[in-house]
C-alpha atoms as a PDB file:
ATOM      1  CA  UNK A   1       0.000   0.000   0.000  1.00  0.00           C
ATOM      2  CA  UNK A   2       2.628   2.438  -1.185  1.00  0.00           C
ATOM      3  CA  UNK A   3       2.064   4.829  -4.091  1.00  0.00           C
ATOM      4  CA  UNK A   4       5.113   6.323  -5.786  1.00  0.00           C
ATOM      5  CA  UNK A   5       4.734   9.555  -7.785  1.00  0.00           C
ATOM      6  CA  UNK A   6       7.765  10.971  -9.571  1.00  0.00           C
ATOM      7  CA  UNK A   7       9.047  13.958 -11.503  1.00  0.00           C
ATOM      8  CA  UNK A   8      12.181  13.804 -13.606  1.00  0.00           C
ATOM      9  CA  UNK A   9      14.476  13.689 -10.562  1.00  0.00           C
ATOM     10  CA  UNK A  10      12.293  13.442  -7.431  1.00  0.00           C
ATOM     11  CA  UNK A  11       9.865  10.947  -5.998  1.00  0.00           C
ATOM     12  CA  UNK A  12       7.129  11.172  -3.390  1.00  0.00           C
ATOM     13  CA  UNK A  13       5.939   8.139  -1.442  1.00  0.00           C
ATOM     14  CA  UNK A  14       2.306   8.077  -0.310  1.00  0.00           C
ATOM     15  CA  UNK A  15       1.266   5.475   2.213  1.00  0.00           C
ATOM     16  CA  UNK A  16       0.721   4.439   5.840  1.00  0.00           C
ATOM     17  CA  UNK A  17       3.673   5.190   8.065  1.00  0.00           C
ATOM     18  CA  UNK A  18       4.908   7.958   5.775  1.00  0.00           C
ATOM     19  CA  UNK A  19       4.411  11.676   6.416  1.00  0.00           C
ATOM     20  CA  UNK A  20       1.137  13.030   5.063  1.00  0.00           C
ATOM     21  CA  UNK A  21       1.573  14.445   1.552  1.00  0.00           C
ATOM     22  CA  UNK A  22       0.339  17.977   0.864  1.00  0.00           C
ATOM     23  CA  UNK A  23      -0.629  18.514  -2.784  1.00  0.00           C
ATOM     24  CA  UNK A  24      -0.784  22.249  -3.452  1.00  0.00           C
ATOM     25  CA  UNK A  25      -4.184  23.275  -4.798  1.00  0.00           C
ATOM     26  CA  UNK A  26      -3.649  26.809  -6.059  1.00  0.00           C
ATOM     27  CA  UNK A  27      -2.856  26.251  -9.753  1.00  0.00           C
ATOM     28  CA  UNK A  28      -6.560  26.107 -10.531  1.00  0.00           C
ATOM     29  CA  UNK A  29      -8.493  28.886 -12.308  1.00  0.00           C
ATOM     30  CA  UNK A  30     -11.795  28.034 -10.605  1.00  0.00           C
ATOM     31  CA  UNK A  31     -12.892  31.195  -8.814  1.00  0.00           C
ATOM     32  CA  UNK A  32      -9.695  33.043  -9.776  1.00  0.00           C
ATOM     33  CA  UNK A  33     -10.544  35.565 -12.485  1.00  0.00           C
ATOM     34  CA  UNK A  34      -7.042  36.944 -12.941  1.00  0.00           C
ATOM     35  CA  UNK A  35      -5.412  33.519 -13.166  1.00  0.00           C
ATOM     36  CA  UNK A  36      -8.121  32.303 -15.541  1.00  0.00           C
ATOM     37  CA  UNK A  37      -7.699  35.275 -17.874  1.00  0.00           C
ATOM     38  CA  UNK A  38      -3.920  35.024 -17.825  1.00  0.00           C
ATOM     39  CA  UNK A  39      -3.850  31.292 -18.557  1.00  0.00           C
ATOM     40  CA  UNK A  40      -6.373  31.686 -21.379  1.00  0.00           C
ATOM     41  CA  UNK A  41      -4.145  34.407 -22.867  1.00  0.00           C
ATOM     42  CA  UNK A  42      -1.047  32.212 -22.653  1.00  0.00           C
ATOM     43  CA  UNK A  43       0.497  34.051 -19.706  1.00  0.00           C
ATOM     44  CA  UNK A  44       1.823  31.518 -17.175  1.00  0.00           C
ATOM     45  CA  UNK A  45       3.803  33.870 -14.936  1.00  0.00           C
ATOM     46  CA  UNK A  46       1.297  33.499 -12.086  1.00  0.00           C
ATOM     47  CA  UNK A  47       1.270  29.725 -12.558  1.00  0.00           C
ATOM     48  CA  UNK A  48       5.049  29.661 -12.120  1.00  0.00           C
ATOM     49  CA  UNK A  49       4.986  31.979  -9.080  1.00  0.00           C
ATOM     50  CA  UNK A  50       2.157  29.972  -7.470  1.00  0.00           C
ATOM     51  CA  UNK A  51       4.163  26.798  -7.997  1.00  0.00           C
ATOM     52  CA  UNK A  52       7.267  28.232  -6.346  1.00  0.00           C
ATOM     53  CA  UNK A  53       5.311  29.723  -3.424  1.00  0.00           C
ATOM     54  CA  UNK A  54       3.543  26.451  -2.655  1.00  0.00           C
ATOM     55  CA  UNK A  55       6.730  24.407  -2.783  1.00  0.00           C
ATOM     56  CA  UNK A  56       8.458  26.940  -0.524  1.00  0.00           C
ATOM     57  CA  UNK A  57       5.537  26.593   1.913  1.00  0.00           C
ATOM     58  CA  UNK A  58       5.972  22.810   2.098  1.00  0.00           C
ATOM     59  CA  UNK A  59       3.914  21.242  -0.685  1.00  0.00           C
ATOM     60  CA  UNK A  60       5.476  17.936  -1.752  1.00  0.00           C
ATOM     61  CA  UNK A  61       3.329  17.809  -4.919  1.00  0.00           C
ATOM     62  CA  UNK A  62       1.297  20.282  -6.974  1.00  0.00           C
ATOM     63  CA  UNK A  63      -2.117  19.906  -8.571  1.00  0.00           C
ATOM     64  CA  UNK A  64      -2.354  21.541 -12.026  1.00  0.00           C
ATOM     65  CA  UNK A  65      -5.813  22.357 -13.389  1.00  0.00           C
ATOM     66  CA  UNK A  66      -6.740  24.395 -16.487  1.00  0.00           C
ATOM     67  CA  UNK A  67     -10.532  24.200 -16.399  1.00  0.00           C
ATOM     68  CA  UNK A  68     -11.395  27.504 -18.098  1.00  0.00           C
ATOM     69  CA  UNK A  69     -14.797  27.665 -19.847  1.00  0.00           C
ATOM     70  CA  UNK A  70     -14.765  28.175 -23.634  1.00  0.00           C
ATOM     71  CA  UNK A  71     -11.009  27.670 -23.848  1.00  0.00           C
ATOM     72  CA  UNK A  72      -8.658  25.089 -25.360  1.00  0.00           C
ATOM     73  CA  UNK A  73      -8.188  23.212 -22.107  1.00  0.00           C
ATOM     74  CA  UNK A  74      -5.940  20.456 -23.526  1.00  0.00           C
ATOM     75  CA  UNK A  75      -3.438  22.988 -24.891  1.00  0.00           C
ATOM     76  CA  UNK A  76      -3.555  25.201 -21.792  1.00  0.00           C
ATOM     77  CA  UNK A  77      -3.088  22.265 -19.423  1.00  0.00           C
ATOM     78  CA  UNK A  78      -0.072  21.016 -21.370  1.00  0.00           C
ATOM     79  CA  UNK A  79       1.487  24.495 -21.312  1.00  0.00           C
ATOM     80  CA  UNK A  80       0.772  24.892 -17.604  1.00  0.00           C
ATOM     81  CA  UNK A  81       2.458  21.575 -16.810  1.00  0.00           C
ATOM     82  CA  UNK A  82       5.515  22.568 -18.820  1.00  0.00           C
ATOM     83  CA  UNK A  83       5.589  25.959 -17.090  1.00  0.00           C
ATOM     84  CA  UNK A  84       5.507  24.355 -13.648  1.00  0.00           C
ATOM     85  CA  UNK A  85       8.146  21.775 -14.526  1.00  0.00           C
ATOM     86  CA  UNK A  86      10.397  24.574 -15.794  1.00  0.00           C
ATOM     87  CA  UNK A  87      10.648  26.099 -12.292  1.00  0.00           C
ATOM     88  CA  UNK A  88      10.265  23.192  -9.859  1.00  0.00           C
ATOM     89  CA  UNK A  89      10.946  19.461  -9.816  1.00  0.00           C
ATOM     90  CA  UNK A  90       8.196  18.300  -7.453  1.00  0.00           C
ATOM     91  CA  UNK A  91       5.835  15.650  -8.879  1.00  0.00           C
ATOM     92  CA  UNK A  92       2.505  16.807 -10.268  1.00  0.00           C
ATOM     93  CA  UNK A  93      -1.149  15.842 -10.170  1.00  0.00           C
ATOM     94  CA  UNK A  94      -2.700  16.349 -13.634  1.00  0.00           C
ATOM     95  CA  UNK A  95      -6.254  17.538 -12.984  1.00  0.00           C
ATOM     96  CA  UNK A  96      -9.016  17.588 -15.613  1.00  0.00           C
ATOM     97  CA  UNK A  97     -12.445  16.151 -16.334  1.00  0.00           C
ATOM     98  CA  UNK A  98     -11.654  16.193 -20.071  1.00  0.00           C
ATOM     99  CA  UNK A  99      -9.940  13.062 -21.350  1.00  0.00           C
ATOM    100  CA  UNK A 100      -8.223  14.895 -24.206  1.00  0.00           C
ATOM    101  CA  UNK A 101      -6.699  17.341 -21.706  1.00  0.00           C
ATOM    102  CA  UNK A 102      -5.414  14.492 -19.541  1.00  0.00           C
ATOM    103  CA  UNK A 103      -3.808  12.910 -22.603  1.00  0.00           C
ATOM    104  CA  UNK A 104      -2.080  16.152 -23.623  1.00  0.00           C
ATOM    105  CA  UNK A 105      -0.846  16.645 -20.078  1.00  0.00           C
ATOM    106  CA  UNK A 106       0.461  13.106 -19.824  1.00  0.00           C
ATOM    107  CA  UNK A 107       2.246  13.441 -23.158  1.00  0.00           C
ATOM    108  CA  UNK A 108       4.375  16.382 -21.974  1.00  0.00           C
ATOM    109  CA  UNK A 109       4.898  15.325 -18.351  1.00  0.00           C
ATOM    110  CA  UNK A 110       8.360  14.170 -17.298  1.00  0.00           C
ATOM    111  CA  UNK A 111       8.015  11.380 -14.730  1.00  0.00           C
ATOM    112  CA  UNK A 112       5.130   9.367 -13.290  1.00  0.00           C
ATOM    113  CA  UNK A 113       2.230  11.702 -12.428  1.00  0.00           C
ATOM    114  CA  UNK A 114      -1.006  11.310 -10.513  1.00  0.00           C
ATOM    115  CA  UNK A 115      -4.046  11.634 -12.796  1.00  0.00           C
ATOM    116  CA  UNK A 116      -7.037  13.397 -11.264  1.00  0.00           C
ATOM    117  CA  UNK A 117      -9.400  11.663 -11.883  1.00  0.00           C
ATOM    118  CA  UNK A 118     -11.683   8.801 -12.822  1.00  0.00           C
ATOM    119  CA  UNK A 119     -15.139   8.109 -11.366  1.00  0.00           C
ATOM    120  CA  UNK A 120     -17.137   4.906 -11.230  1.00  0.00           C
ATOM    121  CA  UNK A 121     -19.081   5.887 -14.348  1.00  0.00           C
ATOM    122  CA  UNK A 122     -18.672   3.271 -17.083  1.00  0.00           C
ATOM    123  CA  UNK A 123     -17.818   5.786 -19.774  1.00  0.00           C
ATOM    124  CA  UNK A 124     -15.097   7.384 -17.628  1.00  0.00           C
ATOM    125  CA  UNK A 125     -13.630   4.031 -16.593  1.00  0.00           C
ATOM    126  CA  UNK A 126     -13.334   2.887 -20.205  1.00  0.00           C
ATOM    127  CA  UNK A 127     -11.736   6.133 -21.380  1.00  0.00           C
ATOM    128  CA  UNK A 128      -9.479   7.203 -18.502  1.00  0.00           C
ATOM    129  CA  UNK A 129      -8.065   3.909 -17.250  1.00  0.00           C
ATOM    130  CA  UNK A 130      -6.511   2.809 -20.589  1.00  0.00           C
ATOM    131  CA  UNK A 131      -4.833   6.220 -20.751  1.00  0.00           C
ATOM    132  CA  UNK A 132      -3.456   5.843 -17.226  1.00  0.00           C
ATOM    133  CA  UNK A 133      -2.215   2.338 -18.053  1.00  0.00           C
ATOM    134  CA  UNK A 134      -0.549   3.472 -21.295  1.00  0.00           C
ATOM    135  CA  UNK A 135       1.450   6.187 -19.534  1.00  0.00           C
ATOM    136  CA  UNK A 136       2.081   4.049 -16.420  1.00  0.00           C
ATOM    137  CA  UNK A 137       0.667   6.785 -14.182  1.00  0.00           C
ATOM    138  CA  UNK A 138      -1.203   6.614 -10.898  1.00  0.00           C
ATOM    139  CA  UNK A 139      -4.846   7.692 -10.724  1.00  0.00           C
ATOM    140  CA  UNK A 140      -7.366   9.201  -8.323  1.00  0.00           C
ATOM    141  CA  UNK A 141     -10.597   7.200  -8.177  1.00  0.00           C
ATOM    142  CA  UNK A 142     -13.575   9.290  -7.053  1.00  0.00           C
ATOM    143  CA  UNK A 143     -16.264   7.394  -5.156  1.00  0.00           C
ATOM    144  CA  UNK A 144     -19.289   8.442  -7.209  1.00  0.00           C
ATOM    145  CA  UNK A 145     -20.891   7.106 -10.384  1.00  0.00           C
ATOM    146  CA  UNK A 146     -23.883   7.631 -12.677  1.00  0.00           C
ATOM    147  CA  UNK A 147     -26.204   7.686  -9.658  1.00  0.00           C
ATOM    148  CA  UNK A 148     -24.425  10.683  -8.126  1.00  0.00           C
ATOM    149  CA  UNK A 149     -22.853  11.021  -4.673  1.00  0.00           C
ATOM    150  CA  UNK A 150     -24.356   8.735  -2.070  1.00  0.00           C
ATOM    151  CA  UNK A 151     -24.602   9.572   1.625  1.00  0.00           C
ATOM    152  CA  UNK A 152     -24.048   5.894   2.425  1.00  0.00           C
ATOM    153  CA  UNK A 153     -20.573   4.640   3.294  1.00  0.00           C
ATOM    154  CA  UNK A 154     -21.359   1.230   1.819  1.00  0.00           C
ATOM    155  CA  UNK A 155     -22.382   2.652  -1.551  1.00  0.00           C
ATOM    156  CA  UNK A 156     -19.249   4.792  -1.881  1.00  0.00           C
ATOM    157  CA  UNK A 157     -17.124   1.826  -0.814  1.00  0.00           C
ATOM    158  CA  UNK A 158     -18.690  -0.375  -3.502  1.00  0.00           C
ATOM    159  CA  UNK A 159     -17.926   2.243  -6.160  1.00  0.00           C
ATOM    160  CA  UNK A 160     -14.330   2.524  -4.946  1.00  0.00           C
ATOM    161  CA  UNK A 161     -13.984  -1.265  -5.080  1.00  0.00           C
ATOM    162  CA  UNK A 162     -15.316  -1.263  -8.633  1.00  0.00           C
ATOM    163  CA  UNK A 163     -12.756   1.365  -9.679  1.00  0.00           C
ATOM    164  CA  UNK A 164      -9.852  -0.523  -8.084  1.00  0.00           C
ATOM    165  CA  UNK A 165     -10.838  -3.855  -9.623  1.00  0.00           C
ATOM    166  CA  UNK A 166     -11.417  -2.322 -13.064  1.00  0.00           C
ATOM    167  CA  UNK A 167      -8.032  -0.604 -12.884  1.00  0.00           C
ATOM    168  CA  UNK A 168      -6.366  -3.933 -12.119  1.00  0.00           C
ATOM    169  CA  UNK A 169      -7.953  -5.402 -15.253  1.00  0.00           C
ATOM    170  CA  UNK A 170      -6.179  -2.698 -17.250  1.00  0.00           C
ATOM    171  CA  UNK A 171      -2.875  -3.598 -15.599  1.00  0.00           C
ATOM    172  CA  UNK A 172      -2.874  -0.724 -13.109  1.00  0.00           C
ATOM    173  CA  UNK A 173      -1.688  -2.043  -9.726  1.00  0.00           C
ATOM    174  CA  UNK A 174      -3.770  -1.357  -6.640  1.00  0.00           C
ATOM    175  CA  UNK A 175      -0.943   0.724  -5.192  1.00  0.00           C
ATOM    176  CA  UNK A 176      -1.402   3.155  -8.098  1.00  0.00           C
ATOM    177  CA  UNK A 177      -5.072   3.831  -7.353  1.00  0.00           C
ATOM    178  CA  UNK A 178      -5.752   6.467  -4.697  1.00  0.00           C
ATOM    179  CA  UNK A 179      -9.399   6.748  -3.714  1.00  0.00           C
ATOM    180  CA  UNK A 180     -11.153  10.068  -3.108  1.00  0.00           C
ATOM    181  CA  UNK A 181     -13.964   9.345  -0.613  1.00  0.00           C
ATOM    182  CA  UNK A 182     -15.389  12.821  -1.350  1.00  0.00           C
ATOM    183  CA  UNK A 183     -15.150  15.696   1.112  1.00  0.00           C
ATOM    184  CA  UNK A 184     -18.516  17.450   1.027  1.00  0.00           C
ATOM    185  CA  UNK A 185     -19.293  20.929   2.468  1.00  0.00           C
ATOM    186  CA  UNK A 186     -19.992  20.454   6.165  1.00  0.00           C
ATOM    187  CA  UNK A 187     -22.282  23.489   6.156  1.00  0.00           C
ATOM    188  CA  UNK A 188     -24.647  21.746   3.749  1.00  0.00           C
ATOM    189  CA  UNK A 189     -24.054  18.099   4.735  1.00  0.00           C
ATOM    190  CA  UNK A 190     -23.706  17.926   8.549  1.00  0.00           C
ATOM    191  CA  UNK A 191     -22.548  14.291   8.566  1.00  0.00           C
ATOM    192  CA  UNK A 192     -20.052  14.781   5.716  1.00  0.00           C
ATOM    193  CA  UNK A 193     -16.909  14.377   7.814  1.00  0.00           C
ATOM    194  CA  UNK A 194     -18.231  11.490   9.888  1.00  0.00           C
ATOM    195  CA  UNK A 195     -19.058   9.664   6.656  1.00  0.00           C
ATOM    196  CA  UNK A 196     -15.646  10.423   5.154  1.00  0.00           C
ATOM    197  CA  UNK A 197     -13.673   9.269   8.211  1.00  0.00           C
ATOM    198  CA  UNK A 198     -15.616   5.999   8.360  1.00  0.00           C
ATOM    199  CA  UNK A 199     -15.034   5.412   4.652  1.00  0.00           C
ATOM    200  CA  UNK A 200     -11.303   6.194   4.865  1.00  0.00           C
ATOM    201  CA  UNK A 201     -10.888   3.581   7.599  1.00  0.00           C
ATOM    202  CA  UNK A 202     -12.800   0.984   5.629  1.00  0.00           C
ATOM    203  CA  UNK A 203     -10.907   1.692   2.398  1.00  0.00           C
ATOM    204  CA  UNK A 204      -7.608   1.249   4.196  1.00  0.00           C
ATOM    205  CA  UNK A 205      -8.565  -1.875   6.145  1.00  0.00           C
ATOM    206  CA  UNK A 206     -10.662  -3.759   3.564  1.00  0.00           C
ATOM    207  CA  UNK A 207      -9.470  -2.490   0.170  1.00  0.00           C
ATOM    208  CA  UNK A 208      -5.854  -1.694   1.047  1.00  0.00           C
ATOM    209  CA  UNK A 209      -5.658   1.605  -0.851  1.00  0.00           C
ATOM    210  CA  UNK A 210      -4.433   5.106  -0.126  1.00  0.00           C
ATOM    211  CA  UNK A 211      -6.907   7.966   0.099  1.00  0.00           C
ATOM    212  CA  UNK A 212      -7.007  11.609  -0.964  1.00  0.00           C
ATOM    213  CA  UNK A 213      -9.515  14.465  -1.003  1.00  0.00           C
ATOM    214  CA  UNK A 214      -9.987  18.095  -1.912  1.00  0.00           C
ATOM    215  CA  UNK A 215      -9.817  19.225   1.692  1.00  0.00           C
ATOM    216  CA  UNK A 216     -10.944  22.807   1.126  1.00  0.00           C
ATOM    217  CA  UNK A 217     -14.402  21.635   0.033  1.00  0.00           C
ATOM    218  CA  UNK A 218     -15.264  20.848   3.658  1.00  0.00           C
ATOM    219  CA  UNK A 219     -15.359  24.471   4.776  1.00  0.00           C
ATOM    220  CA  UNK A 220     -17.066  25.979   1.734  1.00  0.00           C
ATOM    221  CA  UNK A 221     -19.473  28.770   2.692  1.00  0.00           C
ATOM    222  CA  UNK A 222     -18.272  29.038   6.299  1.00  0.00           C
ATOM    223  CA  UNK A 223     -16.118  31.546   8.152  1.00  0.00           C
ATOM    224  CA  UNK A 224     -12.508  31.005   9.266  1.00  0.00           C
ATOM    225  CA  UNK A 225     -11.966  28.341   6.662  1.00  0.00           C
ATOM    226  CA  UNK A 226      -8.280  27.736   7.460  1.00  0.00           C
ATOM    227  CA  UNK A 227      -9.162  26.592  10.996  1.00  0.00           C
ATOM    228  CA  UNK A 228     -11.881  24.230   9.792  1.00  0.00           C
ATOM    229  CA  UNK A 229      -9.655  22.846   7.031  1.00  0.00           C
ATOM    230  CA  UNK A 230      -6.751  22.332   9.441  1.00  0.00           C
ATOM    231  CA  UNK A 231      -8.843  20.441  11.995  1.00  0.00           C
ATOM    232  CA  UNK A 232     -10.463  18.364   9.266  1.00  0.00           C
ATOM    233  CA  UNK A 233      -7.099  17.340   7.804  1.00  0.00           C
ATOM    234  CA  UNK A 234      -5.708  16.390  11.204  1.00  0.00           C
ATOM    235  CA  UNK A 235      -8.764  14.210  11.885  1.00  0.00           C
ATOM    236  CA  UNK A 236      -8.577  12.690   8.396  1.00  0.00           C
ATOM    237  CA  UNK A 237      -4.935  11.766   9.021  1.00  0.00           C
ATOM    238  CA  UNK A 238      -6.043  10.118  12.251  1.00  0.00           C
ATOM    239  CA  UNK A 239      -8.586   8.093  10.282  1.00  0.00           C
ATOM    240  CA  UNK A 240      -5.876   6.939   7.854  1.00  0.00           C
ATOM    241  CA  UNK A 241      -5.897   9.410   4.965  1.00  0.00           C
ATOM    242  CA  UNK A 242      -2.471   9.683   3.367  1.00  0.00           C
ATOM    243  CA  UNK A 243      -2.614  12.822   1.174  1.00  0.00           C
ATOM    244  CA  UNK A 244      -4.846  15.760   0.267  1.00  0.00           C
ATOM    245  CA  UNK A 245      -5.162  18.592  -2.208  1.00  0.00           C
ATOM    246  CA  UNK A 246      -5.101  21.697  -0.043  1.00  0.00           C
ATOM    247  CA  UNK A 247      -3.554  25.141   0.433  1.00  0.00           C
ATOM    248  CA  UNK A 248      -0.006  24.920   1.851  1.00  0.00           C
ATOM    249  CA  UNK A 249       0.166  28.717   2.158  1.00  0.00           C
ATOM    250  CA  UNK A 250      -2.190  28.560   5.154  1.00  0.00           C
ATOM    251  CA  UNK A 251      -0.016  28.284   8.265  1.00  0.00           C
ATOM    252  CA  UNK A 252      -2.764  26.600  10.298  1.00  0.00           C
ATOM    253  CA  UNK A 253      -2.952  23.796   7.761  1.00  0.00           C
ATOM    254  CA  UNK A 254       0.819  23.307   7.663  1.00  0.00           C
ATOM    255  CA  UNK A 255       0.995  23.212  11.470  1.00  0.00           C
ATOM    256  CA  UNK A 256      -1.910  20.745  11.704  1.00  0.00           C
ATOM    257  CA  UNK A 257      -0.256  18.374   9.236  1.00  0.00           C
ATOM    258  CA  UNK A 258       3.089  18.532  11.003  1.00  0.00           C
ATOM    259  CA  UNK A 259       1.455  17.923  14.385  1.00  0.00           C
ATOM    260  CA  UNK A 260      -0.684  15.046  13.096  1.00  0.00           C
ATOM    261  CA  UNK A 261       2.403  13.414  11.583  1.00  0.00           C
ATOM    262  CA  UNK A 262       4.011  13.507  15.032  1.00  0.00           C
ATOM    263  CA  UNK A 263       0.942  12.119  16.803  1.00  0.00           C
ATOM    264  CA  UNK A 264       0.518   9.296  14.268  1.00  0.00           C
ATOM    265  CA  UNK A 265       4.230   8.342  14.459  1.00  0.00           C
ATOM    266  CA  UNK A 266       4.761   9.349  10.833  1.00  0.00           C
ATOM    267  CA  UNK A 267       7.571  11.761  11.714  1.00  0.00           C
ATOM    268  CA  UNK A 268      10.681   9.818  12.700  1.00  0.00           C
ATOM    269  CA  UNK A 269      11.967  11.212  16.010  1.00  0.00           C
ATOM    270  CA  UNK A 270       9.881  14.347  15.354  1.00  0.00           C
ATOM    271  CA  UNK A 271      12.521  15.488  12.876  1.00  0.00           C
ATOM    272  CA  UNK A 272      10.129  17.374  10.581  1.00  0.00           C
ATOM    273  CA  UNK A 273       8.446  19.109  13.512  1.00  0.00           C
ATOM    274  CA  UNK A 274      11.738  20.120  15.116  1.00  0.00           C
ATOM    275  CA  UNK A 275      13.251  21.306  11.834  1.00  0.00           C
ATOM    276  CA  UNK A 276      10.219  23.448  11.069  1.00  0.00           C
ATOM    277  CA  UNK A 277      10.121  25.092  14.477  1.00  0.00           C
ATOM    278  CA  UNK A 278      13.865  25.466  14.748  1.00  0.00           C
ATOM    279  CA  UNK A 279      13.957  27.391  11.466  1.00  0.00           C
ATOM    280  CA  UNK A 280      11.058  29.580  12.608  1.00  0.00           C
ATOM    281  CA  UNK A 281      12.550  30.370  16.002  1.00  0.00           C
ATOM    282  CA  UNK A 282      15.944  31.113  14.458  1.00  0.00           C
ATOM    283  CA  UNK A 283      14.568  33.788  12.172  1.00  0.00           C
ATOM    284  CA  UNK A 284      11.866  35.672  14.081  1.00  0.00           C
ATOM    285  CA  UNK A 285      10.296  36.032  17.510  1.00  0.00           C
ATOM    286  CA  UNK A 286       6.607  35.141  18.134  1.00  0.00           C
ATOM    287  CA  UNK A 287       5.412  38.754  17.936  1.00  0.00           C
ATOM    288  CA  UNK A 288       6.987  39.196  14.515  1.00  0.00           C
ATOM    289  CA  UNK A 289       5.559  35.879  13.335  1.00  0.00           C
ATOM    290  CA  UNK A 290       2.085  36.899  14.525  1.00  0.00           C
ATOM    291  CA  UNK A 291       2.277  40.202  12.671  1.00  0.00           C
ATOM    292  CA  UNK A 292       3.445  38.424   9.519  1.00  0.00           C
ATOM    293  CA  UNK A 293       0.543  35.969   9.701  1.00  0.00           C
ATOM    294  CA  UNK A 294      -1.964  38.816  10.146  1.00  0.00           C
ATOM    295  CA  UNK A 295      -0.544  40.590   7.099  1.00  0.00           C
ATOM    296  CA  UNK A 296      -0.757  37.394   5.052  1.00  0.00           C
ATOM    297  CA  UNK A 297      -4.387  36.865   6.081  1.00  0.00           C
ATOM    298  CA  UNK A 298      -5.329  40.456   5.208  1.00  0.00           C
ATOM    299  CA  UNK A 299      -3.619  40.162   1.820  1.00  0.00           C
ATOM    300  CA  UNK A 300      -5.430  36.887   1.072  1.00  0.00           C
ATOM    301  CA  UNK A 301      -8.757  38.482   2.032  1.00  0.00           C
ATOM    302  CA  UNK A 302      -8.141  41.444  -0.299  1.00  0.00           C
ATOM    303  CA  UNK A 303      -7.192  39.133  -3.168  1.00  0.00           C
ATOM    304  CA  UNK A 304     -10.283  36.999  -2.593  1.00  0.00           C
ATOM    305  CA  UNK A 305     -12.562  40.059  -2.766  1.00  0.00           C
ATOM    306  CA  UNK A 306     -10.825  41.260  -5.934  1.00  0.00           C
ATOM    307  CA  UNK A 307     -11.275  37.980  -7.748  1.00  0.00           C
ATOM    308  CA  UNK A 308     -14.994  37.415  -6.962  1.00  0.00           C
ATOM    309  CA  UNK A 309     -14.804  33.745  -5.914  1.00  0.00           C
ATOM    310  CA  UNK A 310     -17.001  31.046  -7.382  1.00  0.00           C
ATOM    311  CA  UNK A 311     -17.892  27.653  -5.908  1.00  0.00           C
ATOM    312  CA  UNK A 312     -15.080  25.125  -6.499  1.00  0.00           C
ATOM    313  CA  UNK A 313     -15.580  21.754  -8.085  1.00  0.00           C
ATOM    314  CA  UNK A 314     -15.008  18.714  -5.923  1.00  0.00           C
ATOM    315  CA  UNK A 315     -11.296  18.176  -5.412  1.00  0.00           C
ATOM    316  CA  UNK A 316     -10.585  21.730  -6.532  1.00  0.00           C
ATOM    317  CA  UNK A 317      -9.165  24.847  -5.003  1.00  0.00           C
ATOM    318  CA  UNK A 318     -10.383  27.281  -2.414  1.00  0.00           C
ATOM    319  CA  UNK A 319     -11.850  30.486  -3.746  1.00  0.00           C
ATOM    320  CA  UNK A 320      -8.798  32.630  -2.988  1.00  0.00           C
ATOM    321  CA  UNK A 321      -6.520  34.451  -5.379  1.00  0.00           C
END
């Protein structure tokens, strides 16, 4: 139960006993008017700067999405992947609901990526899985199908099992299928997190697969989203989740992941925790750090207002700049 994702020179291991993997969510035009317009116009400067900022903040992987309405998504996604790989060597998650875009992205990618995603719908299984097998990639399997998203753990588990077994028929090993149990907005679905935690445990124990989610979906529509997202991720790690697409620029989220790694014995001798806090204490005192965090929060709030956020798709980005 170990998934290996690679770039040209680096690899990331996803699995039980390993530190939780943060997949940076911000290269996604959903709800980001400036980024959307720039990518559609062939300007990838913000894509490159977002990539560098997320890696500097601790993201081990980056999600790259180019879902811009009325645009040439396959071409834009391929260019975005090349732009990211020109400035950083972390492995990527190629994110699109359009098969042609996934194929263009896979064709230019250097390494073994994570494809996001395939559902339990027959048409998607028959189109996406052969592509994943051909490029020897790993894939995210989303636990919904033609009937929609069920509230029942058993139904989502059955869909996940179907995806894993179908992938194996195409020669994709179980280790290369990471299941998304679906993080729903807690404000609209009160039992969303309880359902997800139960499903994560069952997927790990009975199906033997890693799990992932778009963590920012949980807090959609609520205040103080970073706090809710941070607590959710820590609890998901406790339930057995091994990676998530989230915002590494949020300090609360980074701290929650580091702390959960310690508590779950995924941080050997607390080395990651100590290194992070040693570097922080060496460079600034708590008062300075607090002021910096307040400035960052105010800047993010201004950017969010400027870009008129829209609701993200499942597994997508928060509605910040």
